[in-house]
């Protein structure tokens, strides 16, 4: 039998789960602003050929889509994925139109 050892800096009682790392409350306005900036920066790295205004608009629309989400903790990840998907579809559509001309 192979024994497994997990090394942590926190004491975890046998049979208990990992410590809870979920946020205790809704994000602060400063944390929301940092999340929006992070999403925009990630979009800039993913779509360097698109104008910053287009990326900012896509990010803002994605965050607006999730404004009423019950768990705000996951909104930045979901907003990035939504904006990325929509921008990729736009780029693909433009590429198809450009190839036809």
N, C-alpha and C. Protein backbone atom coordinates (compact mmCIF):
# COMPACT_ATOMS: atom_id res chain seq x y z
N UNK A 1 0.84 -1.18 0.00
CA UNK A 1 0.00 0.00 0.00
C UNK A 1 0.88 1.24 0.00
N UNK A 2 0.49 2.20 -0.82
CA UNK A 2 1.24 3.45 -0.92
C UNK A 2 0.58 4.47 0.00
N UNK A 3 1.38 5.10 0.83
CA UNK A 3 0.81 6.13 1.69
C UNK A 3 1.09 7.49 1.07
N UNK A 4 0.14 8.37 1.19
CA UNK A 4 0.28 9.71 0.64
C UNK A 4 0.35 10.71 1.78
N UNK A 5 1.26 11.64 1.64
CA UNK A 5 1.44 12.68 2.65
C UNK A 5 1.20 14.02 1.98
N UNK A 6 0.36 14.81 2.61
CA UNK A 6 0.10 16.16 2.11
C UNK A 6 0.69 17.13 3.10
N UNK A 7 1.55 18.00 2.60
CA UNK A 7 2.19 18.98 3.46
C UNK A 7 1.48 20.31 3.29
N UNK A 8 0.98 20.86 4.35
CA UNK A 8 0.32 22.16 4.31
C UNK A 8 0.82 23.00 5.46
N UNK A 9 0.54 24.27 5.38
CA UNK A 9 0.91 25.16 6.48
C UNK A 9 -0.26 25.35 7.44
N UNK A 10 -1.36 24.70 7.18
CA UNK A 10 -2.52 24.79 8.06
C UNK A 10 -2.82 23.41 8.65
N UNK A 11 -3.27 23.41 9.86
CA UNK A 11 -3.65 22.15 10.48
C UNK A 11 -5.05 21.77 10.01
N UNK A 12 -5.17 20.57 9.47
CA UNK A 12 -6.46 20.07 9.02
C UNK A 12 -6.73 18.80 9.79
N UNK A 13 -7.87 18.77 10.41
CA UNK A 13 -8.24 17.62 11.21
C UNK A 13 -8.51 16.42 10.30
N UNK A 14 -8.15 15.21 10.74
CA UNK A 14 -8.43 14.02 9.94
C UNK A 14 -9.93 13.94 9.62
N UNK A 15 -10.23 13.67 8.35
CA UNK A 15 -11.62 13.53 7.93
C UNK A 15 -12.28 14.83 7.55
N UNK A 16 -11.60 15.96 7.77
CA UNK A 16 -12.20 17.24 7.41
C UNK A 16 -11.71 17.65 6.02
N UNK A 17 -12.37 18.63 5.46
CA UNK A 17 -12.01 19.11 4.13
C UNK A 17 -10.97 20.21 4.24
N UNK A 18 -10.53 20.66 3.09
CA UNK A 18 -9.58 21.77 3.03
C UNK A 18 -10.21 23.02 3.62
N UNK A 19 -9.40 23.95 4.09
CA UNK A 19 -9.96 25.19 4.62
C UNK A 19 -10.77 25.93 3.56
N UNK A 20 -11.80 26.58 3.98
CA UNK A 20 -12.70 27.31 3.08
C UNK A 20 -12.02 28.60 2.64
N UNK A 21 -11.86 28.78 1.33
CA UNK A 21 -11.21 29.98 0.81
C UNK A 21 -12.18 30.88 0.07
N UNK A 22 -13.48 30.58 0.14
CA UNK A 22 -14.46 31.43 -0.53
C UNK A 22 -14.52 32.79 0.15
N UNK A 23 -14.83 33.83 -0.62
CA UNK A 23 -14.92 35.16 -0.02
C UNK A 23 -16.07 35.24 0.96
N UNK A 24 -15.90 36.04 2.00
CA UNK A 24 -16.92 36.15 3.04
C UNK A 24 -18.07 37.05 2.63
N UNK A 25 -17.85 37.95 1.69
CA UNK A 25 -18.90 38.88 1.28
C UNK A 25 -18.74 39.28 -0.17
N UNK A 26 -19.58 40.19 -0.61
CA UNK A 26 -19.47 40.65 -2.00
C UNK A 26 -18.17 41.40 -2.22
N UNK A 27 -17.70 41.45 -3.46
CA UNK A 27 -16.44 42.16 -3.73
C UNK A 27 -16.58 43.66 -3.50
N UNK A 28 -15.50 44.26 -3.09
CA UNK A 28 -15.50 45.71 -2.87
C UNK A 28 -15.44 46.41 -4.23
N UNK A 29 -15.81 47.68 -4.29
CA UNK A 29 -15.69 48.41 -5.56
C UNK A 29 -14.26 48.40 -6.12
N UNK A 30 -13.27 48.48 -5.25
CA UNK A 30 -11.88 48.45 -5.71
C UNK A 30 -11.54 47.09 -6.32
N UNK A 31 -12.03 46.02 -5.71
CA UNK A 31 -11.78 44.68 -6.24
C UNK A 31 -12.48 44.50 -7.58
N UNK A 32 -13.67 45.04 -7.71
CA UNK A 32 -14.38 44.97 -8.99
C UNK A 32 -13.62 45.71 -10.08
N UNK A 33 -13.11 46.88 -9.75
CA UNK A 33 -12.35 47.67 -10.72
C UNK A 33 -11.09 46.93 -11.16
N UNK A 34 -10.40 46.32 -10.20
CA UNK A 34 -9.20 45.55 -10.53
C UNK A 34 -9.55 44.37 -11.44
N UNK A 35 -10.68 43.72 -11.17
CA UNK A 35 -11.11 42.59 -11.99
C UNK A 35 -11.42 43.04 -13.41
N UNK A 36 -12.09 44.18 -13.55
CA UNK A 36 -12.40 44.71 -14.89
C UNK A 36 -11.11 45.04 -15.65
N UNK A 37 -10.16 45.66 -14.97
CA UNK A 37 -8.89 45.98 -15.62
C UNK A 37 -8.14 44.72 -16.02
N UNK A 38 -8.17 43.71 -15.16
CA UNK A 38 -7.50 42.45 -15.45
C UNK A 38 -8.11 41.79 -16.69
N UNK A 39 -9.43 41.79 -16.78
CA UNK A 39 -10.10 41.20 -17.94
C UNK A 39 -9.71 41.96 -19.20
N UNK A 40 -9.69 43.28 -19.14
CA UNK A 40 -9.31 44.07 -20.31
C UNK A 40 -7.86 43.79 -20.72
N UNK A 41 -6.97 43.68 -19.76
CA UNK A 41 -5.57 43.39 -20.07
C UNK A 41 -5.43 42.01 -20.71
N UNK A 42 -6.16 41.04 -20.20
CA UNK A 42 -6.12 39.70 -20.77
C UNK A 42 -6.67 39.69 -22.19
N UNK A 43 -7.70 40.49 -22.44
CA UNK A 43 -8.25 40.59 -23.79
C UNK A 43 -7.26 41.25 -24.74
N UNK A 44 -6.53 42.26 -24.25
CA UNK A 44 -5.51 42.93 -25.07
C UNK A 44 -4.43 41.93 -25.48
N UNK A 45 -4.03 41.06 -24.56
CA UNK A 45 -3.01 40.06 -24.89
C UNK A 45 -3.54 39.01 -25.86
N UNK A 46 -4.81 38.69 -25.73
CA UNK A 46 -5.39 37.66 -26.59
C UNK A 46 -5.74 38.18 -27.98
N UNK A 47 -6.14 39.45 -28.06
CA UNK A 47 -6.54 40.07 -29.33
C UNK A 47 -5.73 41.35 -29.56
N UNK A 48 -4.43 41.25 -29.80
CA UNK A 48 -3.61 42.45 -29.91
C UNK A 48 -3.92 43.32 -31.13
N UNK A 49 -4.57 42.75 -32.15
CA UNK A 49 -4.85 43.51 -33.37
C UNK A 49 -6.14 44.32 -33.29
N UNK A 50 -6.95 44.10 -32.27
CA UNK A 50 -8.21 44.82 -32.14
C UNK A 50 -8.00 46.11 -31.36
N UNK A 51 -8.78 47.15 -31.68
CA UNK A 51 -8.66 48.42 -30.95
C UNK A 51 -9.04 48.26 -29.47
N UNK A 52 -8.37 49.02 -28.63
CA UNK A 52 -8.64 48.96 -27.19
C UNK A 52 -10.09 49.31 -26.87
N UNK A 53 -10.69 50.21 -27.64
CA UNK A 53 -12.09 50.60 -27.40
C UNK A 53 -13.02 49.41 -27.62
N UNK A 54 -12.72 48.62 -28.64
CA UNK A 54 -13.53 47.43 -28.93
C UNK A 54 -13.42 46.43 -27.79
N UNK A 55 -12.22 46.24 -27.28
CA UNK A 55 -12.00 45.30 -26.18
C UNK A 55 -12.66 45.80 -24.90
N UNK A 56 -12.57 47.10 -24.64
CA UNK A 56 -13.20 47.67 -23.45
C UNK A 56 -14.72 47.52 -23.52
N UNK A 57 -15.27 47.74 -24.71
CA UNK A 57 -16.72 47.60 -24.88
C UNK A 57 -17.15 46.15 -24.67
N UNK A 58 -16.39 45.21 -25.24
CA UNK A 58 -16.71 43.79 -25.08
C UNK A 58 -16.66 43.37 -23.61
N UNK A 59 -15.65 43.86 -22.89
CA UNK A 59 -15.52 43.54 -21.47
C UNK A 59 -16.68 44.14 -20.68
N UNK A 60 -17.02 45.39 -20.97
CA UNK A 60 -18.12 46.04 -20.25
C UNK A 60 -19.44 45.33 -20.50
N UNK A 61 -19.68 44.91 -21.75
CA UNK A 61 -20.91 44.19 -22.07
C UNK A 61 -20.96 42.85 -21.36
N UNK A 62 -19.82 42.17 -21.28
CA UNK A 62 -19.77 40.88 -20.60
C UNK A 62 -20.03 41.04 -19.10
N UNK A 63 -19.44 42.06 -18.48
CA UNK A 63 -19.69 42.30 -17.06
C UNK A 63 -21.14 42.69 -16.83
N UNK A 64 -21.72 43.46 -17.74
CA UNK A 64 -23.13 43.86 -17.61
C UNK A 64 -24.04 42.64 -17.70
N UNK A 65 -23.68 41.66 -18.54
CA UNK A 65 -24.48 40.46 -18.69
C UNK A 65 -24.58 39.71 -17.36
N UNK A 66 -23.49 39.71 -16.58
CA UNK A 66 -23.46 38.99 -15.31
C UNK A 66 -23.71 39.88 -14.09
N UNK A 67 -24.24 41.06 -14.29
CA UNK A 67 -24.43 42.01 -13.19
C UNK A 67 -25.35 41.46 -12.10
N UNK A 68 -26.31 40.65 -12.47
CA UNK A 68 -27.27 40.12 -11.48
C UNK A 68 -26.93 38.71 -11.01
N UNK A 69 -25.72 38.24 -11.31
CA UNK A 69 -25.33 36.89 -10.91
C UNK A 69 -25.31 36.77 -9.39
N UNK A 70 -25.77 35.63 -8.89
CA UNK A 70 -25.80 35.42 -7.44
C UNK A 70 -24.39 35.34 -6.86
N UNK A 71 -23.50 34.66 -7.55
CA UNK A 71 -22.13 34.51 -7.06
C UNK A 71 -21.22 35.44 -7.85
N UNK A 72 -20.97 36.60 -7.34
CA UNK A 72 -20.15 37.60 -8.02
C UNK A 72 -18.68 37.21 -8.06
N UNK A 73 -18.28 36.27 -7.24
CA UNK A 73 -16.89 35.84 -7.17
C UNK A 73 -16.39 35.31 -8.52
N UNK A 74 -17.26 34.68 -9.29
CA UNK A 74 -16.88 34.05 -10.55
C UNK A 74 -17.10 34.94 -11.77
N UNK A 75 -17.64 36.10 -11.59
CA UNK A 75 -17.99 36.97 -12.72
C UNK A 75 -16.77 37.33 -13.59
N UNK A 76 -15.61 37.68 -13.04
CA UNK A 76 -14.48 38.02 -13.92
C UNK A 76 -14.10 36.89 -14.88
N UNK A 77 -14.08 35.66 -14.40
CA UNK A 77 -13.74 34.53 -15.25
C UNK A 77 -14.80 34.34 -16.33
N UNK A 78 -16.06 34.40 -15.93
CA UNK A 78 -17.16 34.22 -16.88
C UNK A 78 -17.20 35.36 -17.89
N UNK A 79 -16.95 36.58 -17.43
CA UNK A 79 -16.95 37.74 -18.32
C UNK A 79 -15.82 37.64 -19.34
N UNK A 80 -14.64 37.20 -18.91
CA UNK A 80 -13.53 37.03 -19.84
C UNK A 80 -13.86 35.99 -20.90
N UNK A 81 -14.42 34.88 -20.48
CA UNK A 81 -14.76 33.82 -21.43
C UNK A 81 -15.82 34.29 -22.42
N UNK A 82 -16.83 35.00 -21.92
CA UNK A 82 -17.89 35.49 -22.80
C UNK A 82 -17.35 36.50 -23.81
N UNK A 83 -16.57 37.46 -23.33
CA UNK A 83 -16.00 38.48 -24.21
C UNK A 83 -15.05 37.85 -25.23
N UNK A 84 -14.23 36.90 -24.79
CA UNK A 84 -13.30 36.22 -25.70
C UNK A 84 -14.05 35.49 -26.80
N UNK A 85 -15.09 34.78 -26.41
CA UNK A 85 -15.87 34.03 -27.39
C UNK A 85 -16.51 34.96 -28.42
N UNK A 86 -17.10 36.05 -27.94
CA UNK A 86 -17.75 36.99 -28.85
C UNK A 86 -16.73 37.67 -29.77
N UNK A 87 -15.58 38.05 -29.23
CA UNK A 87 -14.55 38.69 -30.06
C UNK A 87 -13.98 37.71 -31.08
N UNK A 88 -13.78 36.46 -30.68
CA UNK A 88 -13.27 35.46 -31.61
C UNK A 88 -14.26 35.23 -32.75
N UNK A 89 -15.56 35.23 -32.42
CA UNK A 89 -16.58 35.08 -33.46
C UNK A 89 -16.56 36.27 -34.42
N UNK A 90 -16.39 37.48 -33.87
CA UNK A 90 -16.31 38.67 -34.73
C UNK A 90 -15.09 38.62 -35.65
N UNK A 91 -13.95 38.24 -35.10
CA UNK A 91 -12.72 38.16 -35.89
C UNK A 91 -12.89 37.10 -36.99
N UNK A 92 -13.47 35.97 -36.65
CA UNK A 92 -13.69 34.92 -37.64
C UNK A 92 -14.64 35.39 -38.74
N UNK A 93 -15.70 36.10 -38.36
CA UNK A 93 -16.66 36.61 -39.35
C UNK A 93 -15.99 37.63 -40.27
N UNK A 94 -15.17 38.50 -39.71
CA UNK A 94 -14.46 39.48 -40.52
C UNK A 94 -13.47 38.80 -41.46
N UNK A 95 -12.83 37.74 -40.97
CA UNK A 95 -11.88 36.99 -41.79
C UNK A 95 -12.57 36.31 -42.96
N UNK A 96 -13.76 35.77 -42.71
CA UNK A 96 -14.52 35.12 -43.78
C UNK A 96 -14.96 36.14 -44.83
N UNK A 97 -15.42 37.28 -44.38
CA UNK A 97 -15.85 38.33 -45.32
C UNK A 97 -14.67 38.85 -46.13
N UNK A 98 -13.52 38.99 -45.46
CA UNK A 98 -12.32 39.49 -46.13
C UNK A 98 -11.82 38.50 -47.18
N UNK A 99 -11.98 37.19 -46.92
CA UNK A 99 -11.55 36.18 -47.86
C UNK A 99 -12.43 36.11 -49.09
N UNK A 100 -13.69 36.54 -48.97
CA UNK A 100 -14.62 36.50 -50.10
C UNK A 100 -14.39 37.65 -51.06
N UNK A 101 -13.88 38.76 -50.56
CA UNK A 101 -13.75 39.95 -51.41
C UNK A 101 -12.65 39.84 -52.42
